[in-house]
Amino acid sequence: MKHDDPNSVLVEPRKTAELTWTFSKATSLEFACNIPGHYQAGMVGKLTVSQ
């Protein structure tokens, strides 16, 4: 599955990747795998940005 969205990155098993976002204010958000069924399987986390 290929991801063409600039806010998405596909990471193969046992590999790493980097995606850089810049935030203008403190916030909390959720990140997750967008491959069908992976979110439901628990591939999700929370991110808190503080200043």
C-alpha atoms as a PDB file:
ATOM      1  CA  MET A   1       0.000   0.000   0.000  1.00  0.00           C
ATOM      2  CA  LYS A   2       1.440   3.371  -1.007  1.00  0.00           C
ATOM      3  CA  HIS A   3       0.761   6.567   0.907  1.00  0.00           C
ATOM      4  CA  ASP A   4       0.786   9.752  -1.175  1.00  0.00           C
ATOM      5  CA  ASP A   5      -0.291  12.050   1.656  1.00  0.00           C
ATOM      6  CA  PRO A   6       2.553  14.359   2.816  1.00  0.00           C
ATOM      7  CA  ASN A   7       1.421  13.814   6.433  1.00  0.00           C
ATOM      8  CA  SER A   8       1.796  10.047   6.211  1.00  0.00           C
ATOM      9  CA  VAL A   9       4.758   7.699   6.079  1.00  0.00           C
ATOM     10  CA  LEU A  10       4.848   3.950   5.402  1.00  0.00           C
ATOM     11  CA  VAL A  11       7.327   2.077   7.607  1.00  0.00           C
ATOM     12  CA  GLU A  12       8.201  -1.508   6.757  1.00  0.00           C
ATOM     13  CA  PRO A  13       8.676  -4.054   9.593  1.00  0.00           C
ATOM     14  CA  ARG A  14      11.998  -3.641  11.440  1.00  0.00           C
ATOM     15  CA  LYS A  15      12.652  -0.329   9.655  1.00  0.00           C
ATOM     16  CA  THR A  16      12.523   3.289  10.807  1.00  0.00           C
ATOM     17  CA  ALA A  17      11.389   6.495   9.149  1.00  0.00           C
ATOM     18  CA  GLU A  18      11.112  10.155  10.048  1.00  0.00           C
ATOM     19  CA  LEU A  19       8.274  12.617   9.582  1.00  0.00           C
ATOM     20  CA  THR A  20       8.681  16.201  10.805  1.00  0.00           C
ATOM     21  CA  TRP A  21       5.771  18.390  11.834  1.00  0.00           C
ATOM     22  CA  THR A  22       6.019  21.921  13.228  1.00  0.00           C
ATOM     23  CA  PHE A  23       3.413  23.016  15.764  1.00  0.00           C
ATOM     24  CA  SER A  24       2.603  26.671  16.484  1.00  0.00           C
ATOM     25  CA  LYS A  25       0.987  26.035  19.868  1.00  0.00           C
ATOM     26  CA  ALA A  26       0.621  23.402  22.571  1.00  0.00           C
ATOM     27  CA  THR A  27      -1.780  20.622  21.629  1.00  0.00           C
ATOM     28  CA  SER A  28      -2.666  16.975  22.153  1.00  0.00           C
ATOM     29  CA  LEU A  29      -3.460  14.651  19.288  1.00  0.00           C
ATOM     30  CA  GLU A  30      -3.736  11.030  18.292  1.00  0.00           C
ATOM     31  CA  PHE A  31      -1.587   9.238  15.727  1.00  0.00           C
ATOM     32  CA  ALA A  32      -2.322   5.857  14.203  1.00  0.00           C
ATOM     33  CA  CYS A  33      -1.546   3.394  11.468  1.00  0.00           C
ATOM     34  CA  ASN A  34      -3.884   4.052   8.553  1.00  0.00           C
ATOM     35  CA  ILE A  35      -3.674   0.569   7.028  1.00  0.00           C
ATOM     36  CA  PRO A  36      -7.157  -1.024   7.233  1.00  0.00           C
ATOM     37  CA  GLY A  37      -7.685  -2.871  10.528  1.00  0.00           C
ATOM     38  CA  HIS A  38      -4.477  -1.649  12.186  1.00  0.00           C
ATOM     39  CA  TYR A  39      -6.143   1.160  14.179  1.00  0.00           C
ATOM     40  CA  GLN A  40      -8.669  -1.337  15.527  1.00  0.00           C
ATOM     41  CA  ALA A  41      -5.794  -3.696  16.399  1.00  0.00           C
ATOM     42  CA  GLY A  42      -4.287  -1.038  18.667  1.00  0.00           C
ATOM     43  CA  MET A  43      -1.700   0.590  16.410  1.00  0.00           C
ATOM     44  CA  VAL A  44      -2.508   4.017  17.825  1.00  0.00           C
ATOM     45  CA  GLY A  45      -0.913   6.445  20.270  1.00  0.00           C
ATOM     46  CA  LYS A  46      -1.209   9.908  21.788  1.00  0.00           C
ATOM     47  CA  LEU A  47       1.141  12.839  21.265  1.00  0.00           C
ATOM     48  CA  THR A  48       1.302  15.864  23.551  1.00  0.00           C
ATOM     49  CA  VAL A  49       3.101  18.990  22.356  1.00  0.00           C
ATOM     50  CA  SER A  50       3.984  21.553  25.014  1.00  0.00           C
ATOM     51  CA  GLN A  51       5.749  24.896  24.843  1.00  0.00           C
END
